[in-house]
N, C-alpha and C. Protein backbone atom coordinates (compact mmCIF):
# COMPACT_ATOMS: atom_id res chain seq x y z
N MET A 1 112.41 58.94 131.57
CA MET A 1 111.53 58.00 130.93
C MET A 1 112.35 56.94 130.21
N THR A 2 111.81 55.76 130.15
CA THR A 2 112.55 54.66 129.57
C THR A 2 112.28 54.46 128.08
N SER A 3 111.21 55.03 127.56
CA SER A 3 110.93 54.86 126.14
C SER A 3 110.31 56.12 125.56
N ARG A 4 110.39 56.23 124.24
CA ARG A 4 109.84 57.39 123.55
C ARG A 4 108.33 57.46 123.70
N VAL A 5 107.64 56.33 123.65
CA VAL A 5 106.19 56.33 123.79
C VAL A 5 105.78 56.79 125.18
N ALA A 6 106.45 56.29 126.19
CA ALA A 6 106.13 56.71 127.56
C ALA A 6 106.37 58.21 127.72
N LYS A 7 107.42 58.70 127.10
CA LYS A 7 107.69 60.15 127.15
C LYS A 7 106.57 60.91 126.48
N ASN A 8 106.06 60.39 125.36
CA ASN A 8 104.97 61.07 124.66
C ASN A 8 103.71 61.11 125.51
N VAL A 9 103.39 60.00 126.19
CA VAL A 9 102.21 59.99 127.06
C VAL A 9 102.38 61.02 128.16
N GLN A 10 103.55 61.03 128.80
CA GLN A 10 103.79 62.00 129.87
C GLN A 10 103.74 63.42 129.33
N ARG A 11 104.33 63.65 128.16
CA ARG A 11 104.34 64.99 127.57
C ARG A 11 102.93 65.45 127.25
N ILE A 12 102.12 64.58 126.66
CA ILE A 12 100.75 64.95 126.31
C ILE A 12 99.96 65.29 127.56
N LEU A 13 100.01 64.40 128.56
CA LEU A 13 99.25 64.66 129.78
C LEU A 13 99.78 65.86 130.54
N ALA A 14 101.09 65.97 130.63
CA ALA A 14 101.67 67.10 131.35
C ALA A 14 101.32 68.41 130.66
N GLY A 15 101.42 68.45 129.34
CA GLY A 15 101.10 69.67 128.60
C GLY A 15 99.64 70.05 128.76
N ALA A 16 98.77 69.06 128.63
CA ALA A 16 97.33 69.33 128.76
C ALA A 16 96.99 69.82 130.15
N LEU A 17 97.50 69.13 131.14
CA LEU A 17 97.15 69.49 132.50
C LEU A 17 97.88 70.75 132.97
N ALA A 18 99.09 70.97 132.47
CA ALA A 18 99.77 72.22 132.83
C ALA A 18 99.03 73.41 132.25
N ALA A 19 98.60 73.27 131.00
CA ALA A 19 97.83 74.36 130.38
C ALA A 19 96.54 74.60 131.16
N ALA A 20 95.91 73.52 131.58
CA ALA A 20 94.69 73.66 132.36
C ALA A 20 94.97 74.32 133.70
N ALA A 21 96.06 73.94 134.33
CA ALA A 21 96.38 74.53 135.63
C ALA A 21 96.70 76.00 135.53
N LEU A 22 97.39 76.38 134.46
CA LEU A 22 97.79 77.77 134.32
C LEU A 22 96.65 78.67 133.91
N SER A 23 95.75 78.13 133.08
CA SER A 23 94.80 79.06 132.53
C SER A 23 93.35 78.64 132.58
N GLY A 24 93.04 77.44 132.99
CA GLY A 24 91.65 77.06 133.12
C GLY A 24 90.99 76.83 131.79
N CYS A 25 89.66 76.75 131.81
CA CYS A 25 88.93 76.42 130.60
C CYS A 25 87.57 77.08 130.63
N GLY A 26 87.07 77.37 129.46
CA GLY A 26 85.71 77.86 129.34
C GLY A 26 85.13 77.40 128.04
N ARG A 27 83.85 77.38 127.96
CA ARG A 27 83.15 76.97 126.76
C ARG A 27 82.10 78.03 126.45
N GLY A 28 82.55 79.22 126.04
CA GLY A 28 81.62 80.29 125.71
C GLY A 28 80.82 80.72 126.91
N ALA A 29 79.48 80.69 126.77
CA ALA A 29 78.61 81.15 127.84
C ALA A 29 78.30 80.05 128.85
N SER A 30 78.94 78.89 128.74
CA SER A 30 78.66 77.78 129.63
C SER A 30 79.01 78.15 131.07
N GLN A 31 78.20 77.66 131.99
CA GLN A 31 78.43 77.89 133.41
C GLN A 31 78.47 76.55 134.12
N ALA A 32 79.26 76.44 135.18
CA ALA A 32 79.28 75.24 135.99
C ALA A 32 77.95 75.12 136.73
N ILE A 33 77.54 73.90 136.98
CA ILE A 33 76.32 73.66 137.73
C ILE A 33 76.56 74.07 139.18
N SER A 34 75.61 74.81 139.76
CA SER A 34 75.77 75.28 141.13
C SER A 34 75.09 74.32 142.08
N LYS A 35 75.89 73.59 142.86
CA LYS A 35 75.38 72.69 143.88
C LYS A 35 76.24 72.85 145.11
N PRO A 36 75.65 73.05 146.27
CA PRO A 36 76.45 73.26 147.47
C PRO A 36 77.16 71.99 147.95
N THR A 37 76.58 70.81 147.74
CA THR A 37 77.20 69.57 148.18
C THR A 37 77.00 68.49 147.13
N ILE A 38 77.62 67.36 147.36
CA ILE A 38 77.42 66.20 146.50
C ILE A 38 76.44 65.30 147.22
N PRO A 39 75.23 65.13 146.68
CA PRO A 39 74.25 64.28 147.36
C PRO A 39 74.77 62.85 147.52
N PRO A 40 74.36 62.15 148.57
CA PRO A 40 74.79 60.76 148.76
C PRO A 40 74.46 59.93 147.52
N GLY A 41 75.41 59.15 147.06
CA GLY A 41 75.19 58.29 145.90
C GLY A 41 75.56 58.93 144.58
N GLU A 42 75.64 60.28 144.50
CA GLU A 42 76.01 60.92 143.25
C GLU A 42 77.45 60.54 142.91
N PHE A 43 77.71 60.24 141.68
CA PHE A 43 79.01 59.79 141.17
C PHE A 43 79.36 58.39 141.64
N GLY A 44 78.45 57.70 142.32
CA GLY A 44 78.73 56.34 142.77
C GLY A 44 79.01 55.40 141.61
N TRP A 45 78.50 55.71 140.43
CA TRP A 45 78.74 54.89 139.24
C TRP A 45 80.21 54.87 138.84
N LEU A 46 80.99 55.83 139.34
CA LEU A 46 82.41 55.92 139.02
C LEU A 46 83.25 54.98 139.89
N ALA A 47 82.71 54.60 141.05
CA ALA A 47 83.47 53.79 142.01
C ALA A 47 83.86 52.44 141.40
N GLY A 48 85.07 52.01 141.73
CA GLY A 48 85.53 50.70 141.29
C GLY A 48 86.99 50.72 140.92
N ASP A 49 87.48 49.54 140.55
CA ASP A 49 88.86 49.37 140.09
C ASP A 49 88.83 49.17 138.58
N TRP A 50 89.64 49.96 137.87
CA TRP A 50 89.62 49.98 136.41
C TRP A 50 91.03 49.82 135.87
N TRP A 51 91.18 49.26 134.68
CA TRP A 51 92.49 49.13 134.06
C TRP A 51 92.34 49.28 132.54
N GLY A 52 93.45 49.67 131.91
CA GLY A 52 93.47 49.78 130.46
C GLY A 52 94.90 49.83 129.95
N VAL A 53 95.07 49.54 128.67
CA VAL A 53 96.38 49.57 128.03
C VAL A 53 96.44 50.84 127.18
N PHE A 54 97.49 51.64 127.38
CA PHE A 54 97.65 52.90 126.67
C PHE A 54 99.10 53.06 126.25
N GLU A 55 99.31 53.37 124.98
CA GLU A 55 100.66 53.67 124.49
C GLU A 55 101.68 52.63 124.94
N GLY A 56 101.30 51.35 124.90
CA GLY A 56 102.23 50.30 125.26
C GLY A 56 102.45 50.09 126.74
N GLY A 57 101.75 50.83 127.58
CA GLY A 57 101.85 50.67 129.02
C GLY A 57 100.50 50.31 129.59
N CYS A 58 100.42 50.22 130.89
CA CYS A 58 99.19 49.84 131.56
C CYS A 58 98.81 50.90 132.59
N ALA A 59 97.55 51.25 132.61
CA ALA A 59 97.05 52.22 133.59
C ALA A 59 96.01 51.53 134.45
N ASP A 60 96.08 51.77 135.74
CA ASP A 60 95.00 51.33 136.60
C ASP A 60 94.53 52.52 137.42
N GLU A 61 93.22 52.55 137.60
CA GLU A 61 92.58 53.68 138.27
C GLU A 61 91.56 53.12 139.25
N ARG A 62 91.49 53.69 140.44
CA ARG A 62 90.53 53.26 141.45
C ARG A 62 89.80 54.48 141.98
N TRP A 63 88.47 54.36 142.05
CA TRP A 63 87.64 55.40 142.66
C TRP A 63 86.88 54.78 143.81
N THR A 64 86.92 55.44 144.97
CA THR A 64 86.19 54.96 146.14
C THR A 64 84.71 55.31 146.00
N ALA A 65 83.88 54.66 146.79
CA ALA A 65 82.47 55.02 146.86
C ALA A 65 82.35 56.38 147.56
N PRO A 66 81.27 57.12 147.30
CA PRO A 66 81.09 58.42 147.96
C PRO A 66 80.97 58.27 149.48
N VAL A 67 81.74 59.08 150.20
CA VAL A 67 81.67 59.15 151.67
C VAL A 67 81.87 60.60 152.05
N ALA A 68 81.04 61.11 152.96
CA ALA A 68 81.15 62.50 153.44
C ALA A 68 81.18 63.48 152.27
N ASP A 69 80.33 63.27 151.29
CA ASP A 69 80.20 64.15 150.12
C ASP A 69 81.48 64.22 149.28
N THR A 70 82.31 63.18 149.30
CA THR A 70 83.53 63.18 148.49
C THR A 70 83.77 61.80 147.88
N LEU A 71 84.50 61.79 146.77
CA LEU A 71 85.05 60.57 146.19
C LEU A 71 86.54 60.78 146.09
N MET A 72 87.29 59.69 146.17
CA MET A 72 88.74 59.77 146.08
C MET A 72 89.19 58.83 144.98
N GLY A 73 90.10 59.31 144.11
CA GLY A 73 90.59 58.49 143.03
C GLY A 73 92.11 58.41 143.00
N MET A 74 92.61 57.26 142.55
CA MET A 74 94.06 57.06 142.41
C MET A 74 94.32 56.48 141.03
N PHE A 75 95.42 56.87 140.41
CA PHE A 75 95.78 56.43 139.06
C PHE A 75 97.27 56.12 139.04
N ARG A 76 97.63 55.08 138.28
CA ARG A 76 99.05 54.73 138.14
C ARG A 76 99.26 54.28 136.70
N TYR A 77 100.31 54.81 136.06
CA TYR A 77 100.69 54.39 134.70
C TYR A 77 102.04 53.70 134.78
N THR A 78 102.08 52.45 134.30
CA THR A 78 103.32 51.68 134.33
C THR A 78 103.69 51.24 132.92
N LYS A 79 104.98 51.09 132.72
CA LYS A 79 105.48 50.60 131.44
C LYS A 79 106.77 49.86 131.71
N GLU A 80 106.91 48.70 131.09
CA GLU A 80 108.11 47.89 131.25
C GLU A 80 108.45 47.67 132.72
N LYS A 81 107.41 47.34 133.50
CA LYS A 81 107.54 47.04 134.93
C LYS A 81 108.04 48.22 135.76
N LYS A 82 107.88 49.46 135.26
CA LYS A 82 108.29 50.65 136.00
C LYS A 82 107.14 51.64 136.04
N VAL A 83 106.99 52.31 137.17
CA VAL A 83 105.98 53.36 137.28
C VAL A 83 106.48 54.59 136.54
N GLU A 84 105.64 55.13 135.66
CA GLU A 84 105.96 56.37 134.95
C GLU A 84 105.44 57.57 135.73
N PHE A 85 104.18 57.48 136.22
CA PHE A 85 103.65 58.56 137.06
C PHE A 85 102.40 58.09 137.79
N TYR A 86 102.02 58.86 138.83
CA TYR A 86 100.83 58.63 139.64
C TYR A 86 99.94 59.88 139.54
N GLU A 87 98.67 59.68 139.91
CA GLU A 87 97.73 60.80 139.97
C GLU A 87 96.83 60.55 141.16
N PHE A 88 96.54 61.60 141.91
CA PHE A 88 95.59 61.53 143.01
C PHE A 88 94.50 62.54 142.74
N SER A 89 93.23 62.12 142.86
CA SER A 89 92.10 63.00 142.55
C SER A 89 91.03 62.90 143.62
N VAL A 90 90.29 63.98 143.77
CA VAL A 90 89.10 63.97 144.61
C VAL A 90 87.99 64.71 143.88
N ILE A 91 86.78 64.28 144.13
CA ILE A 91 85.59 65.04 143.74
C ILE A 91 84.97 65.45 145.05
N GLU A 92 84.89 66.75 145.27
CA GLU A 92 84.40 67.27 146.55
C GLU A 92 83.54 68.50 146.31
N PRO A 93 82.74 68.88 147.32
CA PRO A 93 81.94 70.10 147.18
C PRO A 93 82.86 71.32 147.05
N GLY A 94 82.44 72.27 146.25
CA GLY A 94 83.17 73.53 146.11
C GLY A 94 82.18 74.66 145.99
N PRO A 95 82.65 75.91 145.94
CA PRO A 95 81.75 77.06 145.86
C PRO A 95 80.85 77.04 144.63
N LYS A 96 81.31 76.40 143.55
CA LYS A 96 80.52 76.32 142.31
C LYS A 96 79.86 74.96 142.14
N GLY A 97 79.86 74.15 143.18
CA GLY A 97 79.29 72.81 143.09
C GLY A 97 80.40 71.77 143.09
N PRO A 98 80.08 70.52 142.70
CA PRO A 98 81.10 69.47 142.71
C PRO A 98 82.34 69.88 141.92
N THR A 99 83.51 69.64 142.52
CA THR A 99 84.78 70.07 141.95
C THR A 99 85.73 68.87 141.90
N LEU A 100 86.40 68.70 140.77
CA LEU A 100 87.42 67.68 140.60
C LEU A 100 88.78 68.34 140.82
N VAL A 101 89.53 67.84 141.80
CA VAL A 101 90.85 68.37 142.12
C VAL A 101 91.87 67.26 141.84
N VAL A 102 92.93 67.58 141.07
CA VAL A 102 93.88 66.57 140.60
C VAL A 102 95.31 67.01 140.87
N ARG A 103 96.14 66.04 141.27
CA ARG A 103 97.59 66.25 141.39
C ARG A 103 98.31 65.06 140.76
N HIS A 104 99.43 65.35 140.10
CA HIS A 104 100.25 64.32 139.46
C HIS A 104 101.59 64.21 140.17
N PHE A 105 102.15 63.00 140.15
CA PHE A 105 103.41 62.74 140.83
C PHE A 105 104.31 61.84 139.99
N LYS A 106 105.59 62.13 140.00
CA LYS A 106 106.60 61.24 139.45
C LYS A 106 106.86 60.17 140.51
N PRO A 107 107.58 59.08 140.16
CA PRO A 107 107.95 58.12 141.21
C PRO A 107 108.64 58.84 142.38
N GLY A 108 108.40 58.34 143.56
CA GLY A 108 108.91 59.00 144.77
C GLY A 108 107.95 60.07 145.27
N LEU A 109 106.77 60.16 144.65
CA LEU A 109 105.75 61.17 144.96
C LEU A 109 106.28 62.59 144.83
N VAL A 110 107.07 62.82 143.80
CA VAL A 110 107.54 64.16 143.47
C VAL A 110 106.44 64.83 142.64
N ALA A 111 105.86 65.89 143.18
CA ALA A 111 104.69 66.53 142.55
C ALA A 111 105.05 67.27 141.27
N TRP A 112 104.15 67.21 140.28
CA TRP A 112 104.29 67.99 139.05
C TRP A 112 103.79 69.41 139.28
N GLU A 113 102.63 69.53 139.93
CA GLU A 113 102.01 70.83 140.15
C GLU A 113 102.66 71.51 141.35
N GLU A 114 102.55 72.84 141.37
CA GLU A 114 103.06 73.59 142.51
C GLU A 114 102.31 73.22 143.78
N LYS A 115 102.96 73.40 144.92
CA LYS A 115 102.44 72.99 146.22
C LYS A 115 100.99 73.45 146.47
N ASP A 116 100.69 74.69 146.18
CA ASP A 116 99.36 75.22 146.48
C ASP A 116 98.51 75.43 145.23
N LYS A 117 98.85 74.73 144.12
CA LYS A 117 98.10 74.93 142.88
C LYS A 117 97.71 73.61 142.22
N PRO A 118 96.80 72.86 142.84
CA PRO A 118 96.33 71.64 142.18
C PRO A 118 95.51 72.01 140.95
N LEU A 119 95.31 71.06 140.07
CA LEU A 119 94.43 71.28 138.91
C LEU A 119 93.00 71.20 139.42
N THR A 120 92.18 72.18 139.08
CA THR A 120 90.81 72.24 139.57
C THR A 120 89.84 72.36 138.41
N PHE A 121 88.88 71.45 138.37
CA PHE A 121 87.84 71.42 137.33
C PHE A 121 86.49 71.50 138.02
N HIS A 122 85.57 72.25 137.44
CA HIS A 122 84.22 72.40 138.01
C HIS A 122 83.25 71.58 137.18
N LEU A 123 82.24 71.01 137.84
CA LEU A 123 81.24 70.21 137.14
C LEU A 123 80.53 71.08 136.11
N PHE A 124 80.60 70.67 134.86
CA PHE A 124 79.95 71.39 133.76
C PHE A 124 78.58 70.79 133.48
N SER A 125 78.53 69.46 133.41
CA SER A 125 77.25 68.78 133.23
C SER A 125 77.38 67.35 133.74
N GLU A 126 76.22 66.74 133.97
CA GLU A 126 76.22 65.38 134.47
C GLU A 126 75.00 64.65 133.96
N GLY A 127 75.10 63.34 133.98
CA GLY A 127 73.99 62.46 133.63
C GLY A 127 74.05 61.26 134.56
N PRO A 128 73.21 60.28 134.33
CA PRO A 128 73.18 59.12 135.22
C PRO A 128 74.52 58.37 135.29
N ARG A 129 75.29 58.36 134.21
CA ARG A 129 76.57 57.65 134.19
C ARG A 129 77.63 58.47 133.46
N GLU A 130 77.55 59.79 133.63
CA GLU A 130 78.52 60.66 132.98
C GLU A 130 78.70 61.94 133.79
N ALA A 131 79.93 62.42 133.84
CA ALA A 131 80.22 63.72 134.47
C ALA A 131 81.28 64.41 133.63
N ILE A 132 81.04 65.69 133.33
CA ILE A 132 81.98 66.49 132.55
C ILE A 132 82.45 67.64 133.43
N PHE A 133 83.78 67.75 133.57
CA PHE A 133 84.39 68.79 134.39
C PHE A 133 85.19 69.73 133.49
N ASP A 134 85.07 71.04 133.74
CA ASP A 134 85.66 72.09 132.92
C ASP A 134 86.45 73.08 133.77
N HIS A 135 87.35 73.79 133.09
CA HIS A 135 88.00 74.97 133.68
C HIS A 135 87.20 76.21 133.30
N ASP A 136 87.54 77.37 133.88
CA ASP A 136 86.80 78.60 133.65
C ASP A 136 87.40 79.51 132.59
N ASN A 137 88.66 79.37 132.26
CA ASN A 137 89.35 80.31 131.38
C ASN A 137 89.16 79.94 129.91
N PRO A 138 88.55 80.82 129.09
CA PRO A 138 88.31 80.50 127.68
C PRO A 138 89.57 80.50 126.82
N ASP A 139 90.69 81.02 127.32
CA ASP A 139 91.91 81.08 126.52
C ASP A 139 92.60 79.74 126.37
N LYS A 140 92.47 78.85 127.33
CA LYS A 140 93.12 77.54 127.30
C LYS A 140 92.12 76.46 127.72
N PRO A 141 91.30 76.00 126.80
CA PRO A 141 90.27 75.02 127.17
C PRO A 141 90.85 73.71 127.70
N ALA A 142 90.19 73.16 128.67
CA ALA A 142 90.52 71.83 129.19
C ALA A 142 89.24 71.26 129.79
N ARG A 143 89.00 70.01 129.47
CA ARG A 143 87.78 69.35 129.93
C ARG A 143 88.10 67.87 130.17
N ILE A 144 87.55 67.32 131.23
CA ILE A 144 87.68 65.90 131.51
C ILE A 144 86.28 65.32 131.62
N THR A 145 86.04 64.24 130.86
CA THR A 145 84.75 63.57 130.89
C THR A 145 84.95 62.15 131.40
N TYR A 146 84.14 61.75 132.38
CA TYR A 146 84.08 60.38 132.86
C TYR A 146 82.74 59.83 132.39
N ARG A 147 82.76 58.68 131.70
CA ARG A 147 81.51 58.13 131.16
C ARG A 147 81.54 56.61 131.27
N ARG A 148 80.52 56.06 131.91
CA ARG A 148 80.36 54.60 131.94
C ARG A 148 79.63 54.21 130.67
N THR A 149 80.24 53.35 129.87
CA THR A 149 79.64 52.91 128.61
C THR A 149 79.08 51.51 128.72
N GLY A 150 79.25 50.87 129.86
CA GLY A 150 78.73 49.53 130.12
C GLY A 150 78.96 49.21 131.58
N ASP A 151 78.44 48.07 132.03
CA ASP A 151 78.61 47.70 133.43
C ASP A 151 80.08 47.60 133.82
N ASP A 152 80.92 47.15 132.90
CA ASP A 152 82.33 46.94 133.20
C ASP A 152 83.25 47.80 132.33
N GLU A 153 82.74 48.93 131.84
CA GLU A 153 83.52 49.82 130.97
C GLU A 153 83.42 51.27 131.43
N LEU A 154 84.57 51.94 131.47
CA LEU A 154 84.66 53.35 131.82
C LEU A 154 85.54 54.03 130.77
N VAL A 155 85.08 55.16 130.24
CA VAL A 155 85.86 55.93 129.28
C VAL A 155 86.15 57.29 129.90
N VAL A 156 87.43 57.66 129.91
CA VAL A 156 87.85 58.97 130.40
C VAL A 156 88.42 59.72 129.20
N THR A 157 87.86 60.90 128.92
CA THR A 157 88.31 61.71 127.79
C THR A 157 88.88 63.01 128.32
N VAL A 158 90.08 63.35 127.86
CA VAL A 158 90.74 64.60 128.24
C VAL A 158 90.85 65.45 126.97
N GLU A 159 90.23 66.62 126.99
CA GLU A 159 90.30 67.57 125.88
C GLU A 159 91.14 68.76 126.33
N HIS A 160 92.03 69.19 125.47
CA HIS A 160 92.90 70.30 125.84
C HIS A 160 93.36 71.03 124.59
N GLY A 161 94.10 72.10 124.80
CA GLY A 161 94.58 72.90 123.68
C GLY A 161 93.71 74.13 123.50
N ASP A 162 93.84 74.74 122.32
CA ASP A 162 93.01 75.90 122.02
C ASP A 162 92.34 75.68 120.67
N VAL A 163 91.64 76.67 120.18
CA VAL A 163 90.88 76.54 118.94
C VAL A 163 91.79 76.14 117.78
N THR A 164 93.02 76.65 117.75
CA THR A 164 93.91 76.36 116.63
C THR A 164 94.62 75.01 116.77
N ARG A 165 94.74 74.50 118.01
CA ARG A 165 95.43 73.23 118.24
C ARG A 165 94.71 72.37 119.26
N PRO A 166 93.46 71.97 118.97
CA PRO A 166 92.76 71.14 119.93
C PRO A 166 93.33 69.71 119.93
N ALA A 167 93.25 69.05 121.05
CA ALA A 167 93.69 67.67 121.17
C ALA A 167 92.76 66.92 122.11
N THR A 168 92.53 65.66 121.80
CA THR A 168 91.68 64.82 122.63
C THR A 168 92.38 63.49 122.86
N GLU A 169 92.41 63.07 124.12
CA GLU A 169 92.96 61.77 124.49
C GLU A 169 91.83 60.97 125.12
N GLU A 170 91.66 59.72 124.69
CA GLU A 170 90.60 58.88 125.24
C GLU A 170 91.22 57.65 125.89
N PHE A 171 90.80 57.36 127.10
CA PHE A 171 91.30 56.23 127.87
C PHE A 171 90.14 55.28 128.12
N ASN A 172 90.22 54.09 127.56
CA ASN A 172 89.16 53.08 127.69
C ASN A 172 89.58 52.06 128.75
N TYR A 173 88.79 52.01 129.81
CA TYR A 173 89.08 51.12 130.93
C TYR A 173 88.08 49.96 130.97
N GLN A 174 88.54 48.86 131.53
CA GLN A 174 87.69 47.71 131.86
C GLN A 174 87.73 47.55 133.37
N ARG A 175 86.65 47.05 133.94
CA ARG A 175 86.62 46.79 135.38
C ARG A 175 87.56 45.64 135.70
N VAL A 176 88.31 45.77 136.78
CA VAL A 176 89.17 44.69 137.25
C VAL A 176 88.26 43.57 137.74
N GLN A 177 88.46 42.36 137.23
CA GLN A 177 87.62 41.22 137.58
C GLN A 177 88.29 40.35 138.64
N SER A 178 87.52 39.89 139.60
CA SER A 178 87.96 38.94 140.63
C SER A 178 89.20 39.41 141.38
N GLY A 179 89.38 40.72 141.55
CA GLY A 179 90.51 41.24 142.30
C GLY A 179 91.85 41.08 141.61
N ARG A 180 91.87 40.59 140.37
CA ARG A 180 93.13 40.37 139.66
C ARG A 180 93.32 41.47 138.62
N ASN A 181 94.19 42.40 138.90
CA ASN A 181 94.46 43.52 138.00
C ASN A 181 95.45 43.06 136.93
N PRO A 182 95.05 43.07 135.66
CA PRO A 182 95.96 42.66 134.59
C PRO A 182 97.26 43.49 134.54
N CYS A 183 97.26 44.67 135.12
CA CYS A 183 98.49 45.47 135.14
C CYS A 183 99.58 44.82 135.97
N ARG A 184 99.21 43.88 136.82
CA ARG A 184 100.20 43.21 137.68
C ARG A 184 100.85 42.02 137.01
N LEU A 185 100.36 41.65 135.84
CA LEU A 185 100.91 40.48 135.16
C LEU A 185 102.33 40.76 134.69
N PRO A 186 103.21 39.75 134.72
CA PRO A 186 104.57 39.97 134.22
C PRO A 186 104.56 40.28 132.73
N GLY A 187 105.62 40.99 132.30
CA GLY A 187 105.74 41.26 130.87
C GLY A 187 105.71 42.65 130.61
């Protein structure tokens, strides 16, 4: 990493997602919603190109429109004109209903997670412009919430840790306008 702040962002995300990968999440008696497939149009509100400034760097995230009961997402965090890490995500049908599957990569597409162990979150609840995904293990809670707060605003919240050390990270995105991603600007 080139800076202390970028290292902190990577450390926070890596720690949260590693804990989630190793132990999952639970919220007491909460159960994932049981749906065999993702109906056409569900999660379509997530589709689009998004960008935001975090910890002195820039993040851009793109979600495709639903096709064949799946959505595909890509994320990139850059700082000082260098890529710090990438993320690839899908929302697809699973045995417990819609499932969010995530993998992280260093530059060169060097994976953070083990080859056969992507991070897996199950749909906990949903609304017209919100989806909350959870793990199953109550020992290490982890939750990701996607919420549209306006036509051109997306908020992604990552909750992790345990009862004694909870942590929440919030990422506020704006829709990329006119095909010009501000993350591409020099500086």
